[in-house]
Amino acid sequence: MTGALITGALAAGEAGVAPATIRKWVQLGRLAPAGRQGRAQLYRLEDVFAAERAARGTRDQSGGTRGRPTAPTPPRP
């Protein structure tokens, strides 16, 4: 696979997740860094999107609330 390498912060922004989510995917083995620039880990955007799709599928199959209506949270006093 070829593609531009981007930082975790940029990858998170492109995938619509928090940078902590990118780090968690790495920790869980769902995403692997493709390189380094100094101390920063770099990722291929297509790998990030694949990890996001896999995570979304896992949440949907595990009985999460994605796509299902939930009761509104009452306002705090």
N, C-alpha and C. Protein backbone atom coordinates (compact mmCIF):
# COMPACT_ATOMS: atom_id res chain seq x y z
N MET A 1 0.84 -1.17 0.00
CA MET A 1 0.00 0.00 0.00
C MET A 1 0.88 1.24 0.00
N THR A 2 0.54 2.20 -0.80
CA THR A 2 1.27 3.46 -0.78
C THR A 2 0.29 4.55 -0.41
N GLY A 3 0.82 5.64 0.01
CA GLY A 3 -0.03 6.77 0.37
C GLY A 3 0.75 7.70 1.27
N ALA A 4 0.28 8.92 1.33
CA ALA A 4 0.92 9.91 2.18
C ALA A 4 0.77 9.50 3.64
N LEU A 5 1.78 9.80 4.40
CA LEU A 5 1.74 9.51 5.83
C LEU A 5 1.36 10.79 6.57
N ILE A 6 0.45 10.65 7.53
CA ILE A 6 -0.01 11.80 8.30
C ILE A 6 0.06 11.49 9.79
N THR A 7 0.07 12.55 10.59
CA THR A 7 0.15 12.38 12.04
C THR A 7 -1.17 11.84 12.58
N GLY A 8 -1.12 11.37 13.81
CA GLY A 8 -2.33 10.87 14.45
C GLY A 8 -3.39 11.94 14.60
N ALA A 9 -2.98 13.17 14.90
CA ALA A 9 -3.95 14.26 15.05
C ALA A 9 -4.66 14.54 13.73
N LEU A 10 -3.91 14.59 12.64
CA LEU A 10 -4.53 14.81 11.33
C LEU A 10 -5.41 13.64 10.94
N ALA A 11 -4.94 12.43 11.21
CA ALA A 11 -5.72 11.23 10.89
C ALA A 11 -7.03 11.22 11.66
N ALA A 12 -6.97 11.61 12.93
CA ALA A 12 -8.18 11.66 13.75
C ALA A 12 -9.18 12.66 13.18
N GLY A 13 -8.69 13.82 12.77
CA GLY A 13 -9.56 14.82 12.19
C GLY A 13 -10.23 14.34 10.91
N GLU A 14 -9.48 13.66 10.07
CA GLU A 14 -10.02 13.15 8.80
C GLU A 14 -11.06 12.05 9.04
N ALA A 15 -10.85 11.23 10.06
CA ALA A 15 -11.76 10.12 10.35
C ALA A 15 -12.92 10.54 11.25
N GLY A 16 -12.86 11.76 11.79
CA GLY A 16 -13.93 12.23 12.66
C GLY A 16 -13.92 11.60 14.04
N VAL A 17 -12.73 11.27 14.53
CA VAL A 17 -12.59 10.70 15.86
C VAL A 17 -11.58 11.52 16.65
N ALA A 18 -11.48 11.27 17.92
CA ALA A 18 -10.52 11.97 18.77
C ALA A 18 -9.13 11.35 18.59
N PRO A 19 -8.07 12.15 18.78
CA PRO A 19 -6.72 11.59 18.72
C PRO A 19 -6.53 10.42 19.68
N ALA A 20 -7.21 10.46 20.82
CA ALA A 20 -7.11 9.35 21.78
C ALA A 20 -7.66 8.06 21.18
N THR A 21 -8.62 8.18 20.27
CA THR A 21 -9.19 6.99 19.62
C THR A 21 -8.15 6.35 18.72
N ILE A 22 -7.38 7.17 18.01
CA ILE A 22 -6.30 6.64 17.17
C ILE A 22 -5.31 5.87 18.04
N ARG A 23 -4.93 6.46 19.17
CA ARG A 23 -3.98 5.79 20.07
C ARG A 23 -4.57 4.49 20.61
N LYS A 24 -5.87 4.48 20.90
CA LYS A 24 -6.53 3.28 21.42
C LYS A 24 -6.55 2.18 20.37
N TRP A 25 -6.82 2.55 19.10
CA TRP A 25 -6.81 1.55 18.03
C TRP A 25 -5.43 0.93 17.88
N VAL A 26 -4.38 1.73 18.05
CA VAL A 26 -3.01 1.20 17.98
C VAL A 26 -2.80 0.23 19.14
N GLN A 27 -3.22 0.64 20.33
CA GLN A 27 -3.08 -0.19 21.53
C GLN A 27 -3.81 -1.52 21.36
N LEU A 28 -4.97 -1.50 20.72
CA LEU A 28 -5.77 -2.71 20.53
C LEU A 28 -5.33 -3.54 19.33
N GLY A 29 -4.39 -3.02 18.55
CA GLY A 29 -3.91 -3.73 17.37
C GLY A 29 -4.78 -3.55 16.14
N ARG A 30 -5.70 -2.60 16.18
CA ARG A 30 -6.58 -2.34 15.02
C ARG A 30 -5.91 -1.44 13.98
N LEU A 31 -4.86 -0.74 14.39
CA LEU A 31 -4.17 0.20 13.51
C LEU A 31 -2.69 0.15 13.85
N ALA A 32 -1.87 0.15 12.82
CA ALA A 32 -0.41 0.13 13.04
C ALA A 32 0.20 1.36 12.40
N PRO A 33 1.13 2.01 13.10
CA PRO A 33 1.83 3.14 12.49
C PRO A 33 2.60 2.67 11.26
N ALA A 34 2.66 3.52 10.26
CA ALA A 34 3.37 3.19 9.02
C ALA A 34 4.74 3.85 8.98
N GLY A 35 5.04 4.68 9.97
CA GLY A 35 6.33 5.35 10.00
C GLY A 35 6.41 6.28 11.20
N ARG A 36 7.52 7.00 11.26
CA ARG A 36 7.75 7.96 12.34
C ARG A 36 8.38 9.21 11.77
N GLN A 37 8.08 10.33 12.42
CA GLN A 37 8.76 11.59 12.13
C GLN A 37 9.13 12.16 13.49
N GLY A 38 10.38 12.02 13.85
CA GLY A 38 10.78 12.37 15.20
C GLY A 38 10.09 11.43 16.17
N ARG A 39 9.37 12.00 17.14
CA ARG A 39 8.64 11.17 18.10
C ARG A 39 7.22 10.84 17.64
N ALA A 40 6.75 11.52 16.60
CA ALA A 40 5.37 11.33 16.15
C ALA A 40 5.22 10.07 15.31
N GLN A 41 4.18 9.31 15.60
CA GLN A 41 3.85 8.16 14.76
C GLN A 41 3.04 8.67 13.58
N LEU A 42 3.28 8.07 12.42
CA LEU A 42 2.60 8.45 11.20
C LEU A 42 1.75 7.29 10.70
N TYR A 43 0.63 7.63 10.07
CA TYR A 43 -0.34 6.62 9.63
C TYR A 43 -0.73 6.88 8.18
N ARG A 44 -1.11 5.82 7.49
CA ARG A 44 -1.70 5.95 6.16
C ARG A 44 -3.19 6.20 6.35
N LEU A 45 -3.71 7.17 5.65
CA LEU A 45 -5.11 7.53 5.82
C LEU A 45 -6.03 6.35 5.50
N GLU A 46 -5.69 5.57 4.48
CA GLU A 46 -6.55 4.42 4.15
C GLU A 46 -6.57 3.40 5.28
N ASP A 47 -5.46 3.26 6.03
CA ASP A 47 -5.43 2.35 7.18
C ASP A 47 -6.33 2.88 8.30
N VAL A 48 -6.31 4.20 8.48
CA VAL A 48 -7.15 4.81 9.51
C VAL A 48 -8.62 4.61 9.18
N PHE A 49 -8.99 4.83 7.91
CA PHE A 49 -10.38 4.63 7.51
C PHE A 49 -10.80 3.17 7.67
N ALA A 50 -9.90 2.24 7.37
CA ALA A 50 -10.21 0.82 7.54
C ALA A 50 -10.44 0.49 9.02
N ALA A 51 -9.62 1.06 9.90
CA ALA A 51 -9.78 0.83 11.34
C ALA A 51 -11.10 1.43 11.82
N GLU A 52 -11.46 2.60 11.28
CA GLU A 52 -12.71 3.25 11.67
C GLU A 52 -13.91 2.41 11.23
N ARG A 53 -13.86 1.89 10.01
CA ARG A 53 -14.95 1.03 9.52
C ARG A 53 -15.06 -0.23 10.38
N ALA A 54 -13.93 -0.82 10.73
CA ALA A 54 -13.93 -2.03 11.56
C ALA A 54 -14.49 -1.73 12.95
N ALA A 55 -14.11 -0.60 13.52
CA ALA A 55 -14.60 -0.23 14.85
C ALA A 55 -16.10 0.03 14.80
N ARG A 56 -16.56 0.69 13.76
CA ARG A 56 -17.99 0.98 13.61
C ARG A 56 -18.77 -0.32 13.47
N GLY A 57 -18.27 -1.25 12.69
CA GLY A 57 -18.93 -2.54 12.52
C GLY A 57 -18.97 -3.32 13.81
N THR A 58 -17.91 -3.25 14.59
CA THR A 58 -17.85 -3.94 15.88
C THR A 58 -18.88 -3.37 16.83
N ARG A 59 -19.00 -2.04 16.88
CA ARG A 59 -19.98 -1.42 17.76
C ARG A 59 -21.39 -1.81 17.35
N ASP A 60 -21.67 -1.78 16.04
CA ASP A 60 -23.01 -2.11 15.57
C ASP A 60 -23.37 -3.56 15.90
N GLN A 61 -22.45 -4.48 15.74
CA GLN A 61 -22.72 -5.89 15.96
C GLN A 61 -22.77 -6.24 17.44
N SER A 62 -22.19 -5.40 18.29
CA SER A 62 -22.14 -5.73 19.71
C SER A 62 -23.37 -5.26 20.47
N GLY A 63 -24.36 -4.74 19.75
CA GLY A 63 -25.57 -4.31 20.43
C GLY A 63 -25.50 -2.89 20.93
N GLY A 64 -24.57 -2.10 20.42
CA GLY A 64 -24.48 -0.70 20.80
C GLY A 64 -25.71 0.07 20.33
N THR A 65 -25.77 1.33 20.64
CA THR A 65 -26.94 2.13 20.32
C THR A 65 -26.83 2.84 18.98
N ARG A 66 -25.79 2.60 18.23
CA ARG A 66 -25.61 3.30 16.96
C ARG A 66 -26.81 3.04 16.05
N GLY A 67 -27.43 4.11 15.59
CA GLY A 67 -28.54 3.99 14.68
C GLY A 67 -29.87 3.71 15.36
N ARG A 68 -29.86 3.57 16.66
CA ARG A 68 -31.10 3.32 17.39
C ARG A 68 -31.46 4.57 18.19
N PRO A 69 -32.74 4.88 18.29
CA PRO A 69 -33.12 6.04 19.09
C PRO A 69 -32.86 5.77 20.57
N THR A 70 -32.46 6.79 21.26
CA THR A 70 -32.24 6.67 22.70
C THR A 70 -33.11 7.70 23.40
N ALA A 71 -33.38 7.45 24.66
CA ALA A 71 -34.17 8.40 25.44
C ALA A 71 -33.35 9.66 25.67
N PRO A 72 -33.98 10.82 25.58
CA PRO A 72 -33.24 12.06 25.82
C PRO A 72 -32.79 12.14 27.27
N THR A 73 -31.66 12.75 27.47
CA THR A 73 -31.14 12.95 28.82
C THR A 73 -31.85 14.16 29.43
N PRO A 74 -32.41 14.00 30.65
CA PRO A 74 -33.09 15.15 31.26
C PRO A 74 -32.08 16.25 31.58
N PRO A 75 -32.50 17.50 31.49
CA PRO A 75 -31.58 18.61 31.79
C PRO A 75 -31.19 18.60 33.26
N ARG A 76 -29.99 19.05 33.51
CA ARG A 76 -29.52 19.14 34.90
C ARG A 76 -30.06 20.42 35.53
N PRO A 77 -30.38 20.34 36.81
CA PRO A 77 -30.89 21.55 37.50
C PRO A 77 -29.82 22.60 37.66
